[in-house]
mmCIF file of all heavy atoms, coordinates in Angstrom:
data_MODEL
# 
_entry.id   MODEL 
# 
loop_
_atom_site.group_PDB 
_atom_site.id 
_atom_site.type_symbol 
_atom_site.label_atom_id 
_atom_site.label_alt_id 
_atom_site.label_comp_id 
_atom_site.label_asym_id 
_atom_site.label_entity_id 
_atom_site.label_seq_id 
_atom_site.pdbx_PDB_ins_code 
_atom_site.Cartn_x 
_atom_site.Cartn_y 
_atom_site.Cartn_z 
_atom_site.occupancy 
_atom_site.B_iso_or_equiv 
_atom_site.pdbx_formal_charge 
_atom_site.auth_seq_id 
_atom_site.auth_comp_id 
_atom_site.auth_asym_id 
_atom_site.auth_atom_id 
_atom_site.pdbx_PDB_model_num 
ATOM 1   N N   . MET A 1 1  ? -55.539 38.941 141.893 1.00 0.00 ? 1  MET A N   1 
ATOM 2   C CA  . MET A 1 1  ? -54.420 39.453 141.160 1.00 0.00 ? 1  MET A CA  1 
ATOM 3   C C   . MET A 1 1  ? -53.856 38.365 140.276 1.00 0.00 ? 1  MET A C   1 
ATOM 4   O O   . MET A 1 1  ? -53.858 37.214 140.642 1.00 0.00 ? 1  MET A O   1 
ATOM 5   C CB  . MET A 1 1  ? -53.344 39.905 142.132 1.00 0.00 ? 1  MET A CB  1 
ATOM 6   C CG  . MET A 1 1  ? -53.637 41.210 142.742 1.00 0.00 ? 1  MET A CG  1 
ATOM 7   S SD  . MET A 1 1  ? -52.332 41.616 143.872 1.00 0.00 ? 1  MET A SD  1 
ATOM 8   C CE  . MET A 1 1  ? -53.347 42.371 145.079 1.00 0.00 ? 1  MET A CE  1 
ATOM 9   N N   . LYS A 1 2  ? -53.338 38.775 139.168 1.00 0.00 ? 2  LYS A N   1 
ATOM 10  C CA  . LYS A 1 2  ? -52.771 37.791 138.266 1.00 0.00 ? 2  LYS A CA  1 
ATOM 11  C C   . LYS A 1 2  ? -51.438 38.315 137.754 1.00 0.00 ? 2  LYS A C   1 
ATOM 12  O O   . LYS A 1 2  ? -51.344 39.437 137.279 1.00 0.00 ? 2  LYS A O   1 
ATOM 13  C CB  . LYS A 1 2  ? -53.726 37.530 137.115 1.00 0.00 ? 2  LYS A CB  1 
ATOM 14  C CG  . LYS A 1 2  ? -53.370 36.334 136.301 1.00 0.00 ? 2  LYS A CG  1 
ATOM 15  C CD  . LYS A 1 2  ? -54.454 36.023 135.310 1.00 0.00 ? 2  LYS A CD  1 
ATOM 16  C CE  . LYS A 1 2  ? -54.118 34.734 134.602 1.00 0.00 ? 2  LYS A CE  1 
ATOM 17  N NZ  . LYS A 1 2  ? -55.144 34.324 133.706 1.00 0.00 ? 2  LYS A NZ  1 
ATOM 18  N N   . SER A 1 3  ? -50.419 37.506 137.916 1.00 0.00 ? 3  SER A N   1 
ATOM 19  C CA  . SER A 1 3  ? -49.113 37.829 137.369 1.00 0.00 ? 3  SER A CA  1 
ATOM 20  C C   . SER A 1 3  ? -48.377 36.534 137.100 1.00 0.00 ? 3  SER A C   1 
ATOM 21  O O   . SER A 1 3  ? -48.664 35.519 137.705 1.00 0.00 ? 3  SER A O   1 
ATOM 22  C CB  . SER A 1 3  ? -48.325 38.714 138.335 1.00 0.00 ? 3  SER A CB  1 
ATOM 23  O OG  . SER A 1 3  ? -48.071 38.019 139.529 1.00 0.00 ? 3  SER A OG  1 
ATOM 24  N N   . ASP A 1 4  ? -47.463 36.559 136.224 1.00 0.00 ? 4  ASP A N   1 
ATOM 25  C CA  . ASP A 1 4  ? -46.628 35.414 135.847 1.00 0.00 ? 4  ASP A CA  1 
ATOM 26  C C   . ASP A 1 4  ? -47.418 34.120 135.644 1.00 0.00 ? 4  ASP A C   1 
ATOM 27  O O   . ASP A 1 4  ? -46.932 33.031 135.937 1.00 0.00 ? 4  ASP A O   1 
ATOM 28  C CB  . ASP A 1 4  ? -45.473 35.214 136.819 1.00 0.00 ? 4  ASP A CB  1 
ATOM 29  C CG  . ASP A 1 4  ? -45.892 34.882 138.257 1.00 0.00 ? 4  ASP A CG  1 
ATOM 30  O OD1 . ASP A 1 4  ? -46.953 34.262 138.462 1.00 0.00 ? 4  ASP A OD1 1 
ATOM 31  O OD2 . ASP A 1 4  ? -45.143 35.240 139.168 1.00 0.00 ? 4  ASP A OD2 1 
ATOM 32  N N   . GLY A 1 5  ? -48.655 34.241 135.180 1.00 0.00 ? 5  GLY A N   1 
ATOM 33  C CA  . GLY A 1 5  ? -49.453 33.066 134.891 1.00 0.00 ? 5  GLY A CA  1 
ATOM 34  C C   . GLY A 1 5  ? -50.116 32.419 136.083 1.00 0.00 ? 5  GLY A C   1 
ATOM 35  O O   . GLY A 1 5  ? -50.805 31.430 135.945 1.00 0.00 ? 5  GLY A O   1 
ATOM 36  N N   . HIS A 1 6  ? -49.920 32.948 137.282 1.00 0.00 ? 6  HIS A N   1 
ATOM 37  C CA  . HIS A 1 6  ? -50.511 32.387 138.490 1.00 0.00 ? 6  HIS A CA  1 
ATOM 38  C C   . HIS A 1 6  ? -51.525 33.360 139.072 1.00 0.00 ? 6  HIS A C   1 
ATOM 39  O O   . HIS A 1 6  ? -51.382 34.567 138.965 1.00 0.00 ? 6  HIS A O   1 
ATOM 40  C CB  . HIS A 1 6  ? -49.426 32.109 139.545 1.00 0.00 ? 6  HIS A CB  1 
ATOM 41  C CG  . HIS A 1 6  ? -48.465 31.055 139.136 1.00 0.00 ? 6  HIS A CG  1 
ATOM 42  N ND1 . HIS A 1 6  ? -47.279 31.341 138.505 1.00 0.00 ? 6  HIS A ND1 1 
ATOM 43  C CD2 . HIS A 1 6  ? -48.519 29.713 139.259 1.00 0.00 ? 6  HIS A CD2 1 
ATOM 44  C CE1 . HIS A 1 6  ? -46.636 30.222 138.265 1.00 0.00 ? 6  HIS A CE1 1 
ATOM 45  N NE2 . HIS A 1 6  ? -47.368 29.212 138.701 1.00 0.00 ? 6  HIS A NE2 1 
ATOM 46  N N   . ILE A 1 7  ? -52.528 32.816 139.697 1.00 0.00 ? 7  ILE A N   1 
ATOM 47  C CA  . ILE A 1 7  ? -53.521 33.642 140.368 1.00 0.00 ? 7  ILE A CA  1 
ATOM 48  C C   . ILE A 1 7  ? -53.119 33.753 141.832 1.00 0.00 ? 7  ILE A C   1 
ATOM 49  O O   . ILE A 1 7  ? -52.918 32.753 142.508 1.00 0.00 ? 7  ILE A O   1 
ATOM 50  C CB  . ILE A 1 7  ? -54.928 33.041 140.237 1.00 0.00 ? 7  ILE A CB  1 
ATOM 51  C CG1 . ILE A 1 7  ? -55.353 33.035 138.779 1.00 0.00 ? 7  ILE A CG1 1 
ATOM 52  C CG2 . ILE A 1 7  ? -55.923 33.812 141.084 1.00 0.00 ? 7  ILE A CG2 1 
ATOM 53  C CD1 . ILE A 1 7  ? -56.666 32.338 138.509 1.00 0.00 ? 7  ILE A CD1 1 
ATOM 54  N N   . HIS A 1 8  ? -52.985 34.973 142.300 1.00 0.00 ? 8  HIS A N   1 
ATOM 55  C CA  . HIS A 1 8  ? -52.634 35.230 143.694 1.00 0.00 ? 8  HIS A CA  1 
ATOM 56  C C   . HIS A 1 8  ? -53.856 35.824 144.384 1.00 0.00 ? 8  HIS A C   1 
ATOM 57  O O   . HIS A 1 8  ? -54.333 36.877 143.999 1.00 0.00 ? 8  HIS A O   1 
ATOM 58  C CB  . HIS A 1 8  ? -51.452 36.197 143.797 1.00 0.00 ? 8  HIS A CB  1 
ATOM 59  C CG  . HIS A 1 8  ? -50.224 35.694 143.108 1.00 0.00 ? 8  HIS A CG  1 
ATOM 60  N ND1 . HIS A 1 8  ? -49.377 34.771 143.672 1.00 0.00 ? 8  HIS A ND1 1 
ATOM 61  C CD2 . HIS A 1 8  ? -49.708 35.970 141.891 1.00 0.00 ? 8  HIS A CD2 1 
ATOM 62  C CE1 . HIS A 1 8  ? -48.391 34.509 142.837 1.00 0.00 ? 8  HIS A CE1 1 
ATOM 63  N NE2 . HIS A 1 8  ? -48.569 35.218 141.748 1.00 0.00 ? 8  HIS A NE2 1 
ATOM 64  N N   . LEU A 1 9  ? -54.352 35.151 145.398 1.00 0.00 ? 9  LEU A N   1 
ATOM 65  C CA  . LEU A 1 9  ? -55.552 35.619 146.071 1.00 0.00 ? 9  LEU A CA  1 
ATOM 66  C C   . LEU A 1 9  ? -55.260 36.709 147.082 1.00 0.00 ? 9  LEU A C   1 
ATOM 67  O O   . LEU A 1 9  ? -56.141 37.475 147.430 1.00 0.00 ? 9  LEU A O   1 
ATOM 68  C CB  . LEU A 1 9  ? -56.262 34.436 146.743 1.00 0.00 ? 9  LEU A CB  1 
ATOM 69  C CG  . LEU A 1 9  ? -56.715 33.329 145.790 1.00 0.00 ? 9  LEU A CG  1 
ATOM 70  C CD1 . LEU A 1 9  ? -57.345 32.188 146.573 1.00 0.00 ? 9  LEU A CD1 1 
ATOM 71  C CD2 . LEU A 1 9  ? -57.693 33.868 144.766 1.00 0.00 ? 9  LEU A CD2 1 
ATOM 72  N N   . GLU A 1 10 ? -54.042 36.770 147.572 1.00 0.00 ? 10 GLU A N   1 
ATOM 73  C CA  . GLU A 1 10 ? -53.691 37.777 148.562 1.00 0.00 ? 10 GLU A CA  1 
ATOM 74  C C   . GLU A 1 10 ? -52.625 38.691 147.973 1.00 0.00 ? 10 GLU A C   1 
ATOM 75  O O   . GLU A 1 10 ? -51.725 38.230 147.288 1.00 0.00 ? 10 GLU A O   1 
ATOM 76  C CB  . GLU A 1 10 ? -53.149 37.120 149.830 1.00 0.00 ? 10 GLU A CB  1 
ATOM 77  C CG  . GLU A 1 10 ? -54.175 36.259 150.523 1.00 0.00 ? 10 GLU A CG  1 
ATOM 78  C CD  . GLU A 1 10 ? -53.615 35.597 151.770 1.00 0.00 ? 10 GLU A CD  1 
ATOM 79  O OE1 . GLU A 1 10 ? -52.495 35.936 152.191 1.00 0.00 ? 10 GLU A OE1 1 
ATOM 80  O OE2 . GLU A 1 10 ? -54.304 34.745 152.317 1.00 0.00 ? 10 GLU A OE2 1 
ATOM 81  N N   . PRO A 1 11 ? -52.726 39.987 148.270 1.00 0.00 ? 11 PRO A N   1 
ATOM 82  C CA  . PRO A 1 11 ? -51.689 40.904 147.766 1.00 0.00 ? 11 PRO A CA  1 
ATOM 83  C C   . PRO A 1 11 ? -50.380 40.676 148.511 1.00 0.00 ? 11 PRO A C   1 
ATOM 84  O O   . PRO A 1 11 ? -50.359 40.185 149.633 1.00 0.00 ? 11 PRO A O   1 
ATOM 85  C CB  . PRO A 1 11 ? -52.262 42.283 148.085 1.00 0.00 ? 11 PRO A CB  1 
ATOM 86  C CG  . PRO A 1 11 ? -53.203 42.059 149.201 1.00 0.00 ? 11 PRO A CG  1 
ATOM 87  C CD  . PRO A 1 11 ? -53.749 40.677 149.022 1.00 0.00 ? 11 PRO A CD  1 
ATOM 88  N N   . LYS A 1 12 ? -49.291 41.039 147.881 1.00 0.00 ? 12 LYS A N   1 
ATOM 89  C CA  . LYS A 1 12 ? -47.985 40.963 148.526 1.00 0.00 ? 12 LYS A CA  1 
ATOM 90  C C   . LYS A 1 12 ? -47.910 42.066 149.578 1.00 0.00 ? 12 LYS A C   1 
ATOM 91  O O   . LYS A 1 12 ? -48.568 43.104 149.469 1.00 0.00 ? 12 LYS A O   1 
ATOM 92  C CB  . LYS A 1 12 ? -46.876 41.126 147.501 1.00 0.00 ? 12 LYS A CB  1 
ATOM 93  C CG  . LYS A 1 12 ? -46.842 39.971 146.513 1.00 0.00 ? 12 LYS A CG  1 
ATOM 94  C CD  . LYS A 1 12 ? -45.735 40.125 145.521 1.00 0.00 ? 12 LYS A CD  1 
ATOM 95  C CE  . LYS A 1 12 ? -45.761 38.944 144.572 1.00 0.00 ? 12 LYS A CE  1 
ATOM 96  N NZ  . LYS A 1 12 ? -44.674 38.976 143.627 1.00 0.00 ? 12 LYS A NZ  1 
ATOM 97  N N   . ILE A 1 13 ? -47.089 41.848 150.588 1.00 0.00 ? 13 ILE A N   1 
ATOM 98  C CA  . ILE A 1 13 ? -47.010 42.783 151.705 1.00 0.00 ? 13 ILE A CA  1 
ATOM 99  C C   . ILE A 1 13 ? -46.564 44.174 151.241 1.00 0.00 ? 13 ILE A C   1 
ATOM 100 O O   . ILE A 1 13 ? -47.066 45.180 151.739 1.00 0.00 ? 13 ILE A O   1 
ATOM 101 C CB  . ILE A 1 13 ? -46.116 42.232 152.838 1.00 0.00 ? 13 ILE A CB  1 
ATOM 102 C CG1 . ILE A 1 13 ? -46.346 42.992 154.129 1.00 0.00 ? 13 ILE A CG1 1 
ATOM 103 C CG2 . ILE A 1 13 ? -44.661 42.254 152.468 1.00 0.00 ? 13 ILE A CG2 1 
ATOM 104 C CD1 . ILE A 1 13 ? -47.638 42.688 154.801 1.00 0.00 ? 13 ILE A CD1 1 
ATOM 105 N N   . ASP A 1 14 ? -45.670 44.245 150.272 1.00 0.00 ? 14 ASP A N   1 
ATOM 106 C CA  . ASP A 1 14 ? -45.236 45.556 149.792 1.00 0.00 ? 14 ASP A CA  1 
ATOM 107 C C   . ASP A 1 14 ? -46.366 46.294 149.074 1.00 0.00 ? 14 ASP A C   1 
ATOM 108 O O   . ASP A 1 14 ? -46.423 47.532 149.103 1.00 0.00 ? 14 ASP A O   1 
ATOM 109 C CB  . ASP A 1 14 ? -43.984 45.460 148.924 1.00 0.00 ? 14 ASP A CB  1 
ATOM 110 C CG  . ASP A 1 14 ? -44.165 44.599 147.688 1.00 0.00 ? 14 ASP A CG  1 
ATOM 111 O OD1 . ASP A 1 14 ? -44.944 43.636 147.741 1.00 0.00 ? 14 ASP A OD1 1 
ATOM 112 O OD2 . ASP A 1 14 ? -43.499 44.884 146.678 1.00 0.00 ? 14 ASP A OD2 1 
ATOM 113 N N   . GLU A 1 15 ? -47.287 45.543 148.471 1.00 0.00 ? 15 GLU A N   1 
ATOM 114 C CA  . GLU A 1 15 ? -48.459 46.165 147.855 1.00 0.00 ? 15 GLU A CA  1 
ATOM 115 C C   . GLU A 1 15 ? -49.382 46.738 148.930 1.00 0.00 ? 15 GLU A C   1 
ATOM 116 O O   . GLU A 1 15 ? -49.939 47.823 148.773 1.00 0.00 ? 15 GLU A O   1 
ATOM 117 C CB  . GLU A 1 15 ? -49.225 45.165 146.999 1.00 0.00 ? 15 GLU A CB  1 
ATOM 118 C CG  . GLU A 1 15 ? -48.474 44.717 145.767 1.00 0.00 ? 15 GLU A CG  1 
ATOM 119 C CD  . GLU A 1 15 ? -49.172 43.589 145.022 1.00 0.00 ? 15 GLU A CD  1 
ATOM 120 O OE1 . GLU A 1 15 ? -50.043 42.919 145.610 1.00 0.00 ? 15 GLU A OE1 1 
ATOM 121 O OE2 . GLU A 1 15 ? -48.826 43.378 143.852 1.00 0.00 ? 15 GLU A OE2 1 
ATOM 122 N N   . ILE A 1 16 ? -49.534 46.005 150.019 1.00 0.00 ? 16 ILE A N   1 
ATOM 123 C CA  . ILE A 1 16 ? -50.369 46.478 151.126 1.00 0.00 ? 16 ILE A CA  1 
ATOM 124 C C   . ILE A 1 16 ? -49.757 47.730 151.736 1.00 0.00 ? 16 ILE A C   1 
ATOM 125 O O   . ILE A 1 16 ? -50.450 48.721 151.990 1.00 0.00 ? 16 ILE A O   1 
ATOM 126 C CB  . ILE A 1 16 ? -50.542 45.383 152.191 1.00 0.00 ? 16 ILE A CB  1 
ATOM 127 C CG1 . ILE A 1 16 ? -51.335 44.209 151.616 1.00 0.00 ? 16 ILE A CG1 1 
ATOM 128 C CG2 . ILE A 1 16 ? -51.216 45.934 153.443 1.00 0.00 ? 16 ILE A CG2 1 
ATOM 129 C CD1 . ILE A 1 16 ? -51.368 42.993 152.498 1.00 0.00 ? 16 ILE A CD1 1 
ATOM 130 N N   . PHE A 1 17 ? -48.441 47.690 151.962 1.00 0.00 ? 17 PHE A N   1 
ATOM 131 C CA  . PHE A 1 17 ? -47.760 48.815 152.608 1.00 0.00 ? 17 PHE A CA  1 
ATOM 132 C C   . PHE A 1 17 ? -47.751 50.074 151.742 1.00 0.00 ? 17 PHE A C   1 
ATOM 133 O O   . PHE A 1 17 ? -47.502 51.158 152.247 1.00 0.00 ? 17 PHE A O   1 
ATOM 134 C CB  . PHE A 1 17 ? -46.333 48.436 152.976 1.00 0.00 ? 17 PHE A CB  1 
ATOM 135 C CG  . PHE A 1 17 ? -46.226 47.520 154.174 1.00 0.00 ? 17 PHE A CG  1 
ATOM 136 C CD1 . PHE A 1 17 ? -45.034 46.908 154.466 1.00 0.00 ? 17 PHE A CD1 1 
ATOM 137 C CD2 . PHE A 1 17 ? -47.306 47.268 155.000 1.00 0.00 ? 17 PHE A CD2 1 
ATOM 138 C CE1 . PHE A 1 17 ? -44.905 46.070 155.570 1.00 0.00 ? 17 PHE A CE1 1 
ATOM 139 C CE2 . PHE A 1 17 ? -47.201 46.426 156.102 1.00 0.00 ? 17 PHE A CE2 1 
ATOM 140 C CZ  . PHE A 1 17 ? -45.997 45.834 156.390 1.00 0.00 ? 17 PHE A CZ  1 
ATOM 141 N N   . SER A 1 18 ? -48.026 49.953 150.457 1.00 0.00 ? 18 SER A N   1 
ATOM 142 C CA  . SER A 1 18 ? -48.070 51.134 149.602 1.00 0.00 ? 18 SER A CA  1 
ATOM 143 C C   . SER A 1 18 ? -49.502 51.549 149.262 1.00 0.00 ? 18 SER A C   1 
ATOM 144 O O   . SER A 1 18 ? -49.707 52.527 148.539 1.00 0.00 ? 18 SER A O   1 
ATOM 145 C CB  . SER A 1 18 ? -47.270 50.887 148.321 1.00 0.00 ? 18 SER A CB  1 
ATOM 146 O OG  . SER A 1 18 ? -47.855 49.860 147.558 1.00 0.00 ? 18 SER A OG  1 
ATOM 147 N N   . ASP A 1 19 ? -50.476 50.829 149.800 1.00 0.00 ? 19 ASP A N   1 
ATOM 148 C CA  . ASP A 1 19 ? -51.877 51.146 149.525 1.00 0.00 ? 19 ASP A CA  1 
ATOM 149 C C   . ASP A 1 19 ? -52.306 52.396 150.293 1.00 0.00 ? 19 ASP A C   1 
ATOM 150 O O   . ASP A 1 19 ? -52.156 52.451 151.519 1.00 0.00 ? 19 ASP A O   1 
ATOM 151 C CB  . ASP A 1 19 ? -52.760 49.964 149.945 1.00 0.00 ? 19 ASP A CB  1 
ATOM 152 C CG  . ASP A 1 19 ? -54.225 50.250 149.689 1.00 0.00 ? 19 ASP A CG  1 
ATOM 153 O OD1 . ASP A 1 19 ? -54.628 50.209 148.517 1.00 0.00 ? 19 ASP A OD1 1 
ATOM 154 O OD2 . ASP A 1 19 ? -54.942 50.537 150.663 1.00 0.00 ? 19 ASP A OD2 1 
ATOM 155 N N   . PRO A 1 20 ? -52.815 53.409 149.610 1.00 0.00 ? 20 PRO A N   1 
ATOM 156 C CA  . PRO A 1 20 ? -53.177 54.664 150.280 1.00 0.00 ? 20 PRO A CA  1 
ATOM 157 C C   . PRO A 1 20 ? -54.255 54.504 151.358 1.00 0.00 ? 20 PRO A C   1 
ATOM 158 O O   . PRO A 1 20 ? -54.218 55.201 152.381 1.00 0.00 ? 20 PRO A O   1 
ATOM 159 C CB  . PRO A 1 20 ? -53.669 55.571 149.157 1.00 0.00 ? 20 PRO A CB  1 
ATOM 160 C CG  . PRO A 1 20 ? -53.512 54.829 147.892 1.00 0.00 ? 20 PRO A CG  1 
ATOM 161 C CD  . PRO A 1 20 ? -53.019 53.459 148.177 1.00 0.00 ? 20 PRO A CD  1 
ATOM 162 N N   . ILE A 1 21 ? -55.184 53.604 151.171 1.00 0.00 ? 21 ILE A N   1 
ATOM 163 C CA  . ILE A 1 21 ? -56.232 53.395 152.176 1.00 0.00 ? 21 ILE A CA  1 
ATOM 164 C C   . ILE A 1 21 ? -55.627 52.751 153.420 1.00 0.00 ? 21 ILE A C   1 
ATOM 165 O O   . ILE A 1 21 ? -55.910 53.166 154.550 1.00 0.00 ? 21 ILE A O   1 
ATOM 166 C CB  . ILE A 1 21 ? -57.394 52.560 151.601 1.00 0.00 ? 21 ILE A CB  1 
ATOM 167 C CG1 . ILE A 1 21 ? -58.077 53.352 150.493 1.00 0.00 ? 21 ILE A CG1 1 
ATOM 168 C CG2 . ILE A 1 21 ? -58.371 52.163 152.709 1.00 0.00 ? 21 ILE A CG2 1 
ATOM 169 C CD1 . ILE A 1 21 ? -59.123 52.593 149.722 1.00 0.00 ? 21 ILE A CD1 1 
ATOM 170 N N   . PHE A 1 22 ? -54.780 51.746 153.234 1.00 0.00 ? 22 PHE A N   1 
ATOM 171 C CA  . PHE A 1 22 ? -54.099 51.109 154.364 1.00 0.00 ? 22 PHE A CA  1 
ATOM 172 C C   . PHE A 1 22 ? -53.282 52.150 155.129 1.00 0.00 ? 22 PHE A C   1 
ATOM 173 O O   . PHE A 1 22 ? -53.328 52.205 156.363 1.00 0.00 ? 22 PHE A O   1 
ATOM 174 C CB  . PHE A 1 22 ? -53.202 49.979 153.857 1.00 0.00 ? 22 PHE A CB  1 
ATOM 175 C CG  . PHE A 1 22 ? -52.401 49.312 154.927 1.00 0.00 ? 22 PHE A CG  1 
ATOM 176 C CD1 . PHE A 1 22 ? -52.984 48.403 155.786 1.00 0.00 ? 22 PHE A CD1 1 
ATOM 177 C CD2 . PHE A 1 22 ? -51.047 49.593 155.078 1.00 0.00 ? 22 PHE A CD2 1 
ATOM 178 C CE1 . PHE A 1 22 ? -52.245 47.778 156.791 1.00 0.00 ? 22 PHE A CE1 1 
ATOM 179 C CE2 . PHE A 1 22 ? -50.299 48.972 156.067 1.00 0.00 ? 22 PHE A CE2 1 
ATOM 180 C CZ  . PHE A 1 22 ? -50.896 48.071 156.924 1.00 0.00 ? 22 PHE A CZ  1 
ATOM 181 N N   . LEU A 1 23 ? -52.550 52.982 154.409 1.00 0.00 ? 23 LEU A N   1 
ATOM 182 C CA  . LEU A 1 23 ? -51.724 54.006 155.054 1.00 0.00 ? 23 LEU A CA  1 
ATOM 183 C C   . LEU A 1 23 ? -52.586 55.021 155.796 1.00 0.00 ? 23 LEU A C   1 
ATOM 184 O O   . LEU A 1 23 ? -52.222 55.464 156.895 1.00 0.00 ? 23 LEU A O   1 
ATOM 185 C CB  . LEU A 1 23 ? -50.843 54.696 154.014 1.00 0.00 ? 23 LEU A CB  1 
ATOM 186 C CG  . LEU A 1 23 ? -49.802 53.799 153.348 1.00 0.00 ? 23 LEU A CG  1 
ATOM 187 C CD1 . LEU A 1 23 ? -49.104 54.537 152.213 1.00 0.00 ? 23 LEU A CD1 1 
ATOM 188 C CD2 . LEU A 1 23 ? -48.804 53.265 154.360 1.00 0.00 ? 23 LEU A CD2 1 
ATOM 189 N N   . ALA A 1 24 ? -53.736 55.365 155.244 1.00 0.00 ? 24 ALA A N   1 
ATOM 190 C CA  . ALA A 1 24 ? -54.638 56.309 155.912 1.00 0.00 ? 24 ALA A CA  1 
ATOM 191 C C   . ALA A 1 24 ? -55.199 55.717 157.205 1.00 0.00 ? 24 ALA A C   1 
ATOM 192 O O   . ALA A 1 24 ? -55.317 56.410 158.215 1.00 0.00 ? 24 ALA A O   1 
ATOM 193 C CB  . ALA A 1 24 ? -55.774 56.705 154.966 1.00 0.00 ? 24 ALA A CB  1 
ATOM 194 N N   . VAL A 1 25 ? -55.523 54.435 157.184 1.00 0.00 ? 25 VAL A N   1 
ATOM 195 C CA  . VAL A 1 25 ? -56.035 53.773 158.384 1.00 0.00 ? 25 VAL A CA  1 
ATOM 196 C C   . VAL A 1 25 ? -54.946 53.713 159.454 1.00 0.00 ? 25 VAL A C   1 
ATOM 197 O O   . VAL A 1 25 ? -55.201 53.966 160.629 1.00 0.00 ? 25 VAL A O   1 
ATOM 198 C CB  . VAL A 1 25 ? -56.591 52.365 158.056 1.00 0.00 ? 25 VAL A CB  1 
ATOM 199 C CG1 . VAL A 1 25 ? -56.906 51.588 159.313 1.00 0.00 ? 25 VAL A CG1 1 
ATOM 200 C CG2 . VAL A 1 25 ? -57.827 52.486 157.174 1.00 0.00 ? 25 VAL A CG2 1 
ATOM 201 N N   . LEU A 1 26 ? -53.720 53.384 159.046 1.00 0.00 ? 26 LEU A N   1 
ATOM 202 C CA  . LEU A 1 26 ? -52.611 53.382 160.008 1.00 0.00 ? 26 LEU A CA  1 
ATOM 203 C C   . LEU A 1 26 ? -52.460 54.760 160.653 1.00 0.00 ? 26 LEU A C   1 
ATOM 204 O O   . LEU A 1 26 ? -52.345 54.874 161.872 1.00 0.00 ? 26 LEU A O   1 
ATOM 205 C CB  . LEU A 1 26 ? -51.289 53.009 159.323 1.00 0.00 ? 26 LEU A CB  1 
ATOM 206 C CG  . LEU A 1 26 ? -51.045 51.562 158.977 1.00 0.00 ? 26 LEU A CG  1 
ATOM 207 C CD1 . LEU A 1 26 ? -49.664 51.406 158.333 1.00 0.00 ? 26 LEU A CD1 1 
ATOM 208 C CD2 . LEU A 1 26 ? -51.148 50.667 160.190 1.00 0.00 ? 26 LEU A CD2 1 
ATOM 209 N N   . LYS A 1 27 ? -52.465 55.795 159.828 1.00 0.00 ? 27 LYS A N   1 
ATOM 210 C CA  . LYS A 1 27 ? -52.300 57.157 160.333 1.00 0.00 ? 27 LYS A CA  1 
ATOM 211 C C   . LYS A 1 27 ? -53.434 57.516 161.289 1.00 0.00 ? 27 LYS A C   1 
ATOM 212 O O   . LYS A 1 27 ? -53.204 58.077 162.363 1.00 0.00 ? 27 LYS A O   1 
ATOM 213 C CB  . LYS A 1 27 ? -52.253 58.147 159.163 1.00 0.00 ? 27 LYS A CB  1 
ATOM 214 C CG  . LYS A 1 27 ? -51.986 59.558 159.580 1.00 0.00 ? 27 LYS A CG  1 
ATOM 215 C CD  . LYS A 1 27 ? -51.860 60.470 158.374 1.00 0.00 ? 27 LYS A CD  1 
ATOM 216 C CE  . LYS A 1 27 ? -51.576 61.888 158.817 1.00 0.00 ? 27 LYS A CE  1 
ATOM 217 N NZ  . LYS A 1 27 ? -51.440 62.785 157.671 1.00 0.00 ? 27 LYS A NZ  1 
ATOM 218 N N   . ARG A 1 28 ? -54.654 57.175 160.916 1.00 0.00 ? 28 ARG A N   1 
ATOM 219 C CA  . ARG A 1 28 ? -55.804 57.460 161.770 1.00 0.00 ? 28 ARG A CA  1 
ATOM 220 C C   . ARG A 1 28 ? -55.661 56.800 163.137 1.00 0.00 ? 28 ARG A C   1 
ATOM 221 O O   . ARG A 1 28 ? -56.007 57.374 164.163 1.00 0.00 ? 28 ARG A O   1 
ATOM 222 C CB  . ARG A 1 28 ? -57.088 56.973 161.094 1.00 0.00 ? 28 ARG A CB  1 
ATOM 223 C CG  . ARG A 1 28 ? -58.341 57.214 161.929 1.00 0.00 ? 28 ARG A CG  1 
ATOM 224 C CD  . ARG A 1 28 ? -59.479 56.308 161.577 1.00 0.00 ? 28 ARG A CD  1 
ATOM 225 N NE  . ARG A 1 28 ? -59.136 54.929 161.900 1.00 0.00 ? 28 ARG A NE  1 
ATOM 226 C CZ  . ARG A 1 28 ? -59.824 53.887 161.478 1.00 0.00 ? 28 ARG A CZ  1 
ATOM 227 N NH1 . ARG A 1 28 ? -60.874 54.045 160.698 1.00 0.00 ? 28 ARG A NH1 1 
ATOM 228 N NH2 . ARG A 1 28 ? -59.470 52.667 161.808 1.00 0.00 ? 28 ARG A NH2 1 
ATOM 229 N N   . ASP A 1 29 ? -55.110 55.580 163.122 1.00 0.00 ? 29 ASP A N   1 
ATOM 230 C CA  . ASP A 1 29 ? -54.977 54.809 164.352 1.00 0.00 ? 29 ASP A CA  1 
ATOM 231 C C   . ASP A 1 29 ? -53.679 55.102 165.109 1.00 0.00 ? 29 ASP A C   1 
ATOM 232 O O   . ASP A 1 29 ? -53.425 54.503 166.155 1.00 0.00 ? 29 ASP A O   1 
ATOM 233 C CB  . ASP A 1 29 ? -55.064 53.316 164.050 1.00 0.00 ? 29 ASP A CB  1 
ATOM 234 C CG  . ASP A 1 29 ? -56.449 52.899 163.577 1.00 0.00 ? 29 ASP A CG  1 
ATOM 235 O OD1 . ASP A 1 29 ? -57.406 53.679 163.754 1.00 0.00 ? 29 ASP A OD1 1 
ATOM 236 O OD2 . ASP A 1 29 ? -56.576 51.788 163.043 1.00 0.00 ? 29 ASP A OD2 1 
# 
């Protein structure tokens, strides 16, 4: 990911918590 001129290798936690695949896995489990 790239924002504000910096390269971020890991997504922010709020991005993870809004990811549909992550949410589907949580629901499944």
